[in-house]
Amino acid sequence: IDNNINSSVGLHTFYADRILNITRNIDVTPIVWQDVWDEKVELPPGTVIQVWKDSSDNSAFGSWAAYLNQAANEGYNVILSSP
């Protein structure tokens, strides 16, 4: 199967999307690292985002605090690890 994956980000996005699709069919709460949200993977309702880096790959966020606030404002529960 050719999935047109030509980068590590593409591979990570493909993998995260596949795993999250599995969680949609079972009764679990998915928890993802902030990288998955950065990569614009569609998150199932109720997903928890774990903020673990001091900064984001997304230039819109200058710090972990801005990142955490944006995720929370979009309705996600957030875990703050030590950035």
PDB file of N, CA and C in Angstrom:
ATOM      1  N   ILE A   1       0.856  -1.176   0.000  1.00  0.00           N
ATOM      2  CA  ILE A   1       0.000   0.000   0.000  1.00  0.00           C
ATOM      3  C   ILE A   1       0.894   1.229   0.000  1.00  0.00           C
ATOM      4  N   ASP A   2       0.643   2.132  -0.912  1.00  0.00           N
ATOM      5  CA  ASP A   2       1.398   3.377  -0.973  1.00  0.00           C
ATOM      6  C   ASP A   2       0.567   4.486  -0.332  1.00  0.00           C
ATOM      7  N   ASN A   3       1.027   5.000   0.794  1.00  0.00           N
ATOM      8  CA  ASN A   3       0.309   6.045   1.516  1.00  0.00           C
ATOM      9  C   ASN A   3       0.866   7.433   1.267  1.00  0.00           C
ATOM     10  N   ASN A   4       1.822   7.538   0.325  1.00  0.00           N
ATOM     11  CA  ASN A   4       2.447   8.820  -0.002  1.00  0.00           C
ATOM     12  C   ASN A   4       3.042   9.501   1.224  1.00  0.00           C
ATOM     13  N   ILE A   5       3.645   8.723   2.089  1.00  0.00           N
ATOM     14  CA  ILE A   5       4.308   9.261   3.276  1.00  0.00           C
ATOM     15  C   ILE A   5       5.761   9.525   2.911  1.00  0.00           C
ATOM     16  N   ASN A   6       6.155  10.789   3.030  1.00  0.00           N
ATOM     17  CA  ASN A   6       7.525  11.135   2.645  1.00  0.00           C
ATOM     18  C   ASN A   6       8.275  11.926   3.712  1.00  0.00           C
ATOM     19  N   SER A   7       7.778  11.876   4.946  1.00  0.00           N
ATOM     20  CA  SER A   7       8.474  12.567   6.031  1.00  0.00           C
ATOM     21  C   SER A   7       8.116  11.902   7.357  1.00  0.00           C
ATOM     22  N   SER A   8       8.899  12.210   8.373  1.00  0.00           N
ATOM     23  CA  SER A   8       8.603  11.657   9.698  1.00  0.00           C
ATOM     24  C   SER A   8       7.293  12.225  10.243  1.00  0.00           C
ATOM     25  N   VAL A   9       7.004  13.487   9.938  1.00  0.00           N
ATOM     26  CA  VAL A   9       5.737  14.078  10.374  1.00  0.00           C
ATOM     27  C   VAL A   9       4.576  13.363   9.689  1.00  0.00           C
ATOM     28  N   GLY A  10       4.721  13.074   8.408  1.00  0.00           N
ATOM     29  CA  GLY A  10       3.684  12.336   7.687  1.00  0.00           C
ATOM     30  C   GLY A  10       3.445  10.967   8.282  1.00  0.00           C
ATOM     31  N   LEU A  11       4.520  10.288   8.647  1.00  0.00           N
ATOM     32  CA  LEU A  11       4.398   8.964   9.263  1.00  0.00           C
ATOM     33  C   LEU A  11       3.709   9.066  10.625  1.00  0.00           C
ATOM     34  N   HIS A  12       4.103  10.047  11.422  1.00  0.00           N
ATOM     35  CA  HIS A  12       3.510  10.229  12.736  1.00  0.00           C
ATOM     36  C   HIS A  12       2.024  10.560  12.616  1.00  0.00           C
ATOM     37  N   THR A  13       1.676  11.422  11.676  1.00  0.00           N
ATOM     38  CA  THR A  13       0.281  11.789  11.455  1.00  0.00           C
ATOM     39  C   THR A  13      -0.543  10.582  11.025  1.00  0.00           C
ATOM     40  N   PHE A  14      -0.008   9.790  10.124  1.00  0.00           N
ATOM     41  CA  PHE A  14      -0.690   8.582   9.653  1.00  0.00           C
ATOM     42  C   PHE A  14      -0.942   7.628  10.816  1.00  0.00           C
ATOM     43  N   TYR A  15       0.089   7.394  11.630  1.00  0.00           N
ATOM     44  CA  TYR A  15      -0.013   6.491  12.771  1.00  0.00           C
ATOM     45  C   TYR A  15      -1.032   7.005  13.792  1.00  0.00           C
ATOM     46  N   ALA A  16      -0.943   8.292  14.142  1.00  0.00           N
ATOM     47  CA  ALA A  16      -1.855   8.858  15.143  1.00  0.00           C
ATOM     48  C   ALA A  16      -3.295   8.781  14.664  1.00  0.00           C
ATOM     49  N   ASP A  17      -3.520   9.063  13.398  1.00  0.00           N
ATOM     50  CA  ASP A  17      -4.874   9.005  12.847  1.00  0.00           C
ATOM     51  C   ASP A  17      -5.429   7.579  12.919  1.00  0.00           C
ATOM     52  N   ARG A  18      -4.606   6.607  12.603  1.00  0.00           N
ATOM     53  CA  ARG A  18      -5.045   5.202  12.660  1.00  0.00           C
ATOM     54  C   ARG A  18      -5.396   4.790  14.094  1.00  0.00           C
ATOM     55  N   ILE A  19      -4.548   5.149  15.039  1.00  0.00           N
ATOM     56  CA  ILE A  19      -4.795   4.797  16.438  1.00  0.00           C
ATOM     57  C   ILE A  19      -6.057   5.498  16.953  1.00  0.00           C
ATOM     58  N   LEU A  20      -6.214   6.778  16.624  1.00  0.00           N
ATOM     59  CA  LEU A  20      -7.396   7.505  17.080  1.00  0.00           C
ATOM     60  C   LEU A  20      -8.673   6.950  16.453  1.00  0.00           C
ATOM     61  N   ASN A  21      -8.587   6.454  15.227  1.00  0.00           N
ATOM     62  CA  ASN A  21      -9.755   5.813  14.622  1.00  0.00           C
ATOM     63  C   ASN A  21     -10.168   4.576  15.415  1.00  0.00           C
ATOM     64  N   ILE A  22      -9.206   3.844  15.937  1.00  0.00           N
ATOM     65  CA  ILE A  22      -9.521   2.684  16.778  1.00  0.00           C
ATOM     66  C   ILE A  22     -10.244   3.137  18.045  1.00  0.00           C
ATOM     67  N   THR A  23      -9.777   4.234  18.646  1.00  0.00           N
ATOM     68  CA  THR A  23     -10.393   4.695  19.898  1.00  0.00           C
ATOM     69  C   THR A  23     -11.828   5.170  19.688  1.00  0.00           C
ATOM     70  N   ARG A  24     -12.165   5.554  18.465  1.00  0.00           N
ATOM     71  CA  ARG A  24     -13.543   5.990  18.194  1.00  0.00           C
ATOM     72  C   ARG A  24     -14.533   4.828  18.324  1.00  0.00           C
ATOM     73  N   ASN A  25     -14.049   3.612  18.183  1.00  0.00           N
ATOM     74  CA  ASN A  25     -14.923   2.437  18.199  1.00  0.00           C
ATOM     75  C   ASN A  25     -14.949   1.697  19.523  1.00  0.00           C
ATOM     76  N   ILE A  26     -14.200   2.170  20.495  1.00  0.00           N
ATOM     77  CA  ILE A  26     -14.200   1.536  21.812  1.00  0.00           C
ATOM     78  C   ILE A  26     -14.385   2.619  22.877  1.00  0.00           C
ATOM     79  N   ASP A  27     -14.744   2.228  24.046  1.00  0.00           N
ATOM     80  CA  ASP A  27     -15.061   3.176  25.113  1.00  0.00           C
ATOM     81  C   ASP A  27     -13.803   3.537  25.902  1.00  0.00           C
ATOM     82  N   VAL A  28     -12.985   4.425  25.326  1.00  0.00           N
ATOM     83  CA  VAL A  28     -11.770   4.891  25.998  1.00  0.00           C
ATOM     84  C   VAL A  28     -11.639   6.398  25.798  1.00  0.00           C
ATOM     85  N   THR A  29     -10.834   7.012  26.638  1.00  0.00           N
ATOM     86  CA  THR A  29     -10.506   8.427  26.477  1.00  0.00           C
ATOM     87  C   THR A  29      -9.102   8.525  25.912  1.00  0.00           C
ATOM     88  N   PRO A  30      -8.967   8.977  24.671  1.00  0.00           N
ATOM     89  CA  PRO A  30      -7.628   9.090  24.102  1.00  0.00           C
ATOM     90  C   PRO A  30      -6.850  10.258  24.726  1.00  0.00           C
ATOM     91  N   ILE A  31      -5.576  10.032  24.940  1.00  0.00           N
ATOM     92  CA  ILE A  31      -4.655  11.073  25.399  1.00  0.00           C
ATOM     93  C   ILE A  31      -3.551  11.162  24.358  1.00  0.00           C
ATOM     94  N   VAL A  32      -3.317  12.376  23.854  1.00  0.00           N
ATOM     95  CA  VAL A  32      -2.288  12.567  22.823  1.00  0.00           C
ATOM     96  C   VAL A  32      -1.299  13.622  23.284  1.00  0.00           C
ATOM     97  N   TRP A  33      -0.066  13.487  22.802  1.00  0.00           N
ATOM     98  CA  TRP A  33       0.916  14.550  23.017  1.00  0.00           C
ATOM     99  C   TRP A  33       0.549  15.737  22.154  1.00  0.00           C
ATOM    100  N   GLN A  34       1.042  16.888  22.518  1.00  0.00           N
ATOM    101  CA  GLN A  34       0.719  18.114  21.786  1.00  0.00           C
ATOM    102  C   GLN A  34       1.129  18.040  20.322  1.00  0.00           C
ATOM    103  N   ASP A  35       2.093  17.218  19.997  1.00  0.00           N
ATOM    104  CA  ASP A  35       2.548  17.090  18.602  1.00  0.00           C
ATOM    105  C   ASP A  35       1.414  16.654  17.683  1.00  0.00           C
ATOM    106  N   VAL A  36       0.540  15.794  18.175  1.00  0.00           N
ATOM    107  CA  VAL A  36      -0.568  15.299  17.356  1.00  0.00           C
ATOM    108  C   VAL A  36      -1.504  16.446  17.008  1.00  0.00           C
ATOM    109  N   TRP A  37      -1.771  17.313  17.964  1.00  0.00           N
ATOM    110  CA  TRP A  37      -2.620  18.484  17.709  1.00  0.00           C
ATOM    111  C   TRP A  37      -1.911  19.449  16.772  1.00  0.00           C
ATOM    112  N   ASP A  38      -0.592  19.621  16.963  1.00  0.00           N
ATOM    113  CA  ASP A  38       0.201  20.473  16.060  1.00  0.00           C
ATOM    114  C   ASP A  38       0.079  20.010  14.607  1.00  0.00           C
ATOM    115  N   GLU A  39       0.009  18.701  14.424  1.00  0.00           N
ATOM    116  CA  GLU A  39      -0.019  18.129  13.076  1.00  0.00           C
ATOM    117  C   GLU A  39      -1.424  18.093  12.484  1.00  0.00           C
ATOM    118  N   LYS A  40      -2.364  18.726  13.184  1.00  0.00           N
ATOM    119  CA  LYS A  40      -3.740  18.875  12.688  1.00  0.00           C
ATOM    120  C   LYS A  40      -4.477  17.554  12.502  1.00  0.00           C
ATOM    121  N   VAL A  41      -4.129  16.551  13.314  1.00  0.00           N
ATOM    122  CA  VAL A  41      -4.861  15.289  13.289  1.00  0.00           C
ATOM    123  C   VAL A  41      -6.231  15.547  13.903  1.00  0.00           C
ATOM    124  N   GLU A  42      -7.290  15.050  13.267  1.00  0.00           N
ATOM    125  CA  GLU A  42      -8.637  15.234  13.793  1.00  0.00           C
ATOM    126  C   GLU A  42      -8.790  14.420  15.073  1.00  0.00           C
ATOM    127  N   LEU A  43      -9.065  15.114  16.168  1.00  0.00           N
ATOM    128  CA  LEU A  43      -9.159  14.453  17.474  1.00  0.00           C
ATOM    129  C   LEU A  43     -10.602  14.115  17.797  1.00  0.00           C
ATOM    130  N   PRO A  44     -10.847  12.900  18.308  1.00  0.00           N
ATOM    131  CA  PRO A  44     -12.201  12.542  18.720  1.00  0.00           C
ATOM    132  C   PRO A  44     -12.649  13.410  19.896  1.00  0.00           C
ATOM    133  N   PRO A  45     -13.960  13.610  20.041  1.00  0.00           N
ATOM    134  CA  PRO A  45     -14.450  14.347  21.215  1.00  0.00           C
ATOM    135  C   PRO A  45     -13.951  13.693  22.497  1.00  0.00           C
ATOM    136  N   GLY A  46     -13.592  14.532  23.464  1.00  0.00           N
ATOM    137  CA  GLY A  46     -13.135  14.014  24.751  1.00  0.00           C
ATOM    138  C   GLY A  46     -11.651  13.722  24.822  1.00  0.00           C
ATOM    139  N   THR A  47     -10.932  13.922  23.710  1.00  0.00           N
ATOM    140  CA  THR A  47      -9.494  13.684  23.713  1.00  0.00           C
ATOM    141  C   THR A  47      -8.805  14.629  24.695  1.00  0.00           C
ATOM    142  N   VAL A  48      -7.818  14.120  25.402  1.00  0.00           N
ATOM    143  CA  VAL A  48      -7.002  14.911  26.322  1.00  0.00           C
ATOM    144  C   VAL A  48      -5.674  15.188  25.630  1.00  0.00           C
ATOM    145  N   ILE A  49      -5.232  16.443  25.677  1.00  0.00           N
ATOM    146  CA  ILE A  49      -3.952  16.825  25.074  1.00  0.00           C
ATOM    147  C   ILE A  49      -2.924  16.997  26.180  1.00  0.00           C
ATOM    148  N   GLN A  50      -1.801  16.305  26.044  1.00  0.00           N
ATOM    149  CA  GLN A  50      -0.722  16.417  27.023  1.00  0.00           C
ATOM    150  C   GLN A  50       0.316  17.401  26.497  1.00  0.00           C
ATOM    151  N   VAL A  51       0.442  18.535  27.188  1.00  0.00           N
ATOM    152  CA  VAL A  51       1.432  19.551  26.839  1.00  0.00           C
ATOM    153  C   VAL A  51       2.709  19.206  27.578  1.00  0.00           C
ATOM    154  N   TRP A  52       3.770  18.941  26.820  1.00  0.00           N
ATOM    155  CA  TRP A  52       5.003  18.476  27.448  1.00  0.00           C
ATOM    156  C   TRP A  52       6.236  19.239  26.990  1.00  0.00           C
ATOM    157  N   LYS A  53       6.087  20.079  25.965  1.00  0.00           N
ATOM    158  CA  LYS A  53       7.232  20.846  25.481  1.00  0.00           C
ATOM    159  C   LYS A  53       7.071  22.311  25.877  1.00  0.00           C
ATOM    160  N   ASP A  54       8.184  22.991  26.073  1.00  0.00           N
ATOM    161  CA  ASP A  54       8.153  24.394  26.457  1.00  0.00           C
ATOM    162  C   ASP A  54       7.617  25.269  25.330  1.00  0.00           C
ATOM    163  N   SER A  55       7.776  24.813  24.103  1.00  0.00           N
ATOM    164  CA  SER A  55       7.257  25.563  22.968  1.00  0.00           C
ATOM    165  C   SER A  55       6.629  24.575  22.000  1.00  0.00           C
ATOM    166  N   SER A  56       5.894  25.112  21.051  1.00  0.00           N
ATOM    167  CA  SER A  56       5.182  24.284  20.099  1.00  0.00           C
ATOM    168  C   SER A  56       5.858  24.362  18.740  1.00  0.00           C
ATOM    169  N   ASP A  57       5.634  23.354  17.906  1.00  0.00           N
ATOM    170  CA  ASP A  57       6.080  23.423  16.522  1.00  0.00           C
ATOM    171  C   ASP A  57       5.231  24.424  15.740  1.00  0.00           C
ATOM    172  N   ASN A  58       4.102  24.798  16.312  1.00  0.00           N
ATOM    173  CA  ASN A  58       3.205  25.767  15.705  1.00  0.00           C
ATOM    174  C   ASN A  58       3.637  27.162  16.154  1.00  0.00           C
ATOM    175  N   SER A  59       4.030  28.007  15.219  1.00  0.00           N
ATOM    176  CA  SER A  59       4.562  29.330  15.559  1.00  0.00           C
ATOM    177  C   SER A  59       3.515  30.253  16.195  1.00  0.00           C
ATOM    178  N   ALA A  60       2.256  29.878  16.169  1.00  0.00           N
ATOM    179  CA  ALA A  60       1.209  30.702  16.779  1.00  0.00           C
ATOM    180  C   ALA A  60       1.312  30.703  18.310  1.00  0.00           C
ATOM    181  N   PHE A  61       2.027  29.741  18.860  1.00  0.00           N
ATOM    182  CA  PHE A  61       2.131  29.626  20.307  1.00  0.00           C
ATOM    183  C   PHE A  61       3.552  29.946  20.744  1.00  0.00           C
ATOM    184  N   GLY A  62       3.687  30.964  21.593  1.00  0.00           N
ATOM    185  CA  GLY A  62       5.007  31.355  22.038  1.00  0.00           C
ATOM    186  C   GLY A  62       5.515  30.576  23.232  1.00  0.00           C
ATOM    187  N   SER A  63       4.612  29.955  23.958  1.00  0.00           N
ATOM    188  CA  SER A  63       5.024  29.232  25.156  1.00  0.00           C
ATOM    189  C   SER A  63       4.028  28.126  25.457  1.00  0.00           C
ATOM    190  N   TRP A  64       4.387  27.293  26.414  1.00  0.00           N
ATOM    191  CA  TRP A  64       3.486  26.216  26.809  1.00  0.00           C
ATOM    192  C   TRP A  64       2.180  26.774  27.356  1.00  0.00           C
ATOM    193  N   ALA A  65       2.245  27.927  28.034  1.00  0.00           N
ATOM    194  CA  ALA A  65       1.038  28.504  28.626  1.00  0.00           C
ATOM    195  C   ALA A  65       0.036  28.923  27.549  1.00  0.00           C
ATOM    196  N   ALA A  66       0.521  29.536  26.485  1.00  0.00           N
ATOM    197  CA  ALA A  66      -0.362  29.928  25.381  1.00  0.00           C
ATOM    198  C   ALA A  66      -0.959  28.689  24.724  1.00  0.00           C
ATOM    199  N   TYR A  67      -0.151  27.674  24.590  1.00  0.00           N
ATOM    200  CA  TYR A  67      -0.601  26.427  23.981  1.00  0.00           C
ATOM    201  C   TYR A  67      -1.690  25.778  24.835  1.00  0.00           C
ATOM    202  N   LEU A  68      -1.431  25.687  26.130  1.00  0.00           N
ATOM    203  CA  LEU A  68      -2.385  25.085  27.055  1.00  0.00           C
ATOM    204  C   LEU A  68      -3.698  25.867  27.047  1.00  0.00           C
ATOM    205  N   ASN A  69      -3.615  27.183  27.074  1.00  0.00           N
ATOM    206  CA  ASN A  69      -4.825  28.009  27.074  1.00  0.00           C
ATOM    207  C   ASN A  69      -5.645  27.808  25.806  1.00  0.00           C
ATOM    208  N   GLN A  70      -4.985  27.735  24.650  1.00  0.00           N
ATOM    209  CA  GLN A  70      -5.698  27.539  23.387  1.00  0.00           C
ATOM    210  C   GLN A  70      -6.410  26.189  23.364  1.00  0.00           C
ATOM    211  N   ALA A  71      -5.721  25.152  23.783  1.00  0.00           N
ATOM    212  CA  ALA A  71      -6.336  23.819  23.810  1.00  0.00           C
ATOM    213  C   ALA A  71      -7.545  23.806  24.750  1.00  0.00           C
ATOM    214  N   ALA A  72      -7.392  24.398  25.922  1.00  0.00           N
ATOM    215  CA  ALA A  72      -8.499  24.447  26.882  1.00  0.00           C
ATOM    216  C   ALA A  72      -9.658  25.284  26.339  1.00  0.00           C
ATOM    217  N   ASN A  73      -9.343  26.396  25.687  1.00  0.00           N
ATOM    218  CA  ASN A  73     -10.387  27.244  25.116  1.00  0.00           C
ATOM    219  C   ASN A  73     -11.149  26.546  23.995  1.00  0.00           C
ATOM    220  N   GLU A  74     -10.510  25.579  23.353  1.00  0.00           N
ATOM    221  CA  GLU A  74     -11.182  24.813  22.302  1.00  0.00           C
ATOM    222  C   GLU A  74     -11.939  23.611  22.872  1.00  0.00           C
ATOM    223  N   GLY A  75     -11.968  23.491  24.199  1.00  0.00           N
ATOM    224  CA  GLY A  75     -12.785  22.478  24.840  1.00  0.00           C
ATOM    225  C   GLY A  75     -12.066  21.191  25.201  1.00  0.00           C
ATOM    226  N   TYR A  76     -10.754  21.149  25.006  1.00  0.00           N
ATOM    227  CA  TYR A  76     -10.006  19.941  25.349  1.00  0.00           C
ATOM    228  C   TYR A  76      -9.599  19.978  26.813  1.00  0.00           C
ATOM    229  N   ASN A  77      -9.605  18.821  27.455  1.00  0.00           N
ATOM    230  CA  ASN A  77      -8.953  18.699  28.752  1.00  0.00           C
ATOM    231  C   ASN A  77      -7.463  18.607  28.472  1.00  0.00           C
ATOM    232  N   VAL A  78      -6.666  19.138  29.375  1.00  0.00           N
ATOM    233  CA  VAL A  78      -5.234  19.227  29.135  1.00  0.00           C
ATOM    234  C   VAL A  78      -4.470  18.716  30.344  1.00  0.00           C
ATOM    235  N   ILE A  79      -3.400  17.996  30.074  1.00  0.00           N
ATOM    236  CA  ILE A  79      -2.454  17.584  31.103  1.00  0.00           C
ATOM    237  C   ILE A  79      -1.192  18.403  30.875  1.00  0.00           C
ATOM    238  N   LEU A  80      -0.696  19.061  31.906  1.00  0.00           N
ATOM    239  CA  LEU A  80       0.562  19.790  31.799  1.00  0.00           C
ATOM    240  C   LEU A  80       1.660  18.954  32.430  1.00  0.00           C
ATOM    241  N   SER A  81       2.569  18.487  31.602  1.00  0.00           N
ATOM    242  CA  SER A  81       3.763  17.801  32.091  1.00  0.00           C
ATOM    243  C   SER A  81       4.838  18.852  32.288  1.00  0.00           C
ATOM    244  N   SER A  82       5.939  18.500  32.827  1.00  0.00           N
ATOM    245  CA  SER A  82       7.010  19.462  33.091  1.00  0.00           C
ATOM    246  C   SER A  82       7.692  19.853  31.780  1.00  0.00           C
ATOM    247  N   PRO A  83       7.379  21.073  31.273  1.00  0.00           N
ATOM    248  CA  PRO A  83       8.032  21.478  30.019  1.00  0.00           C
ATOM    249  C   PRO A  83       9.429  22.009  30.265  1.00  0.00           C
TER     250      PRO A  83
END
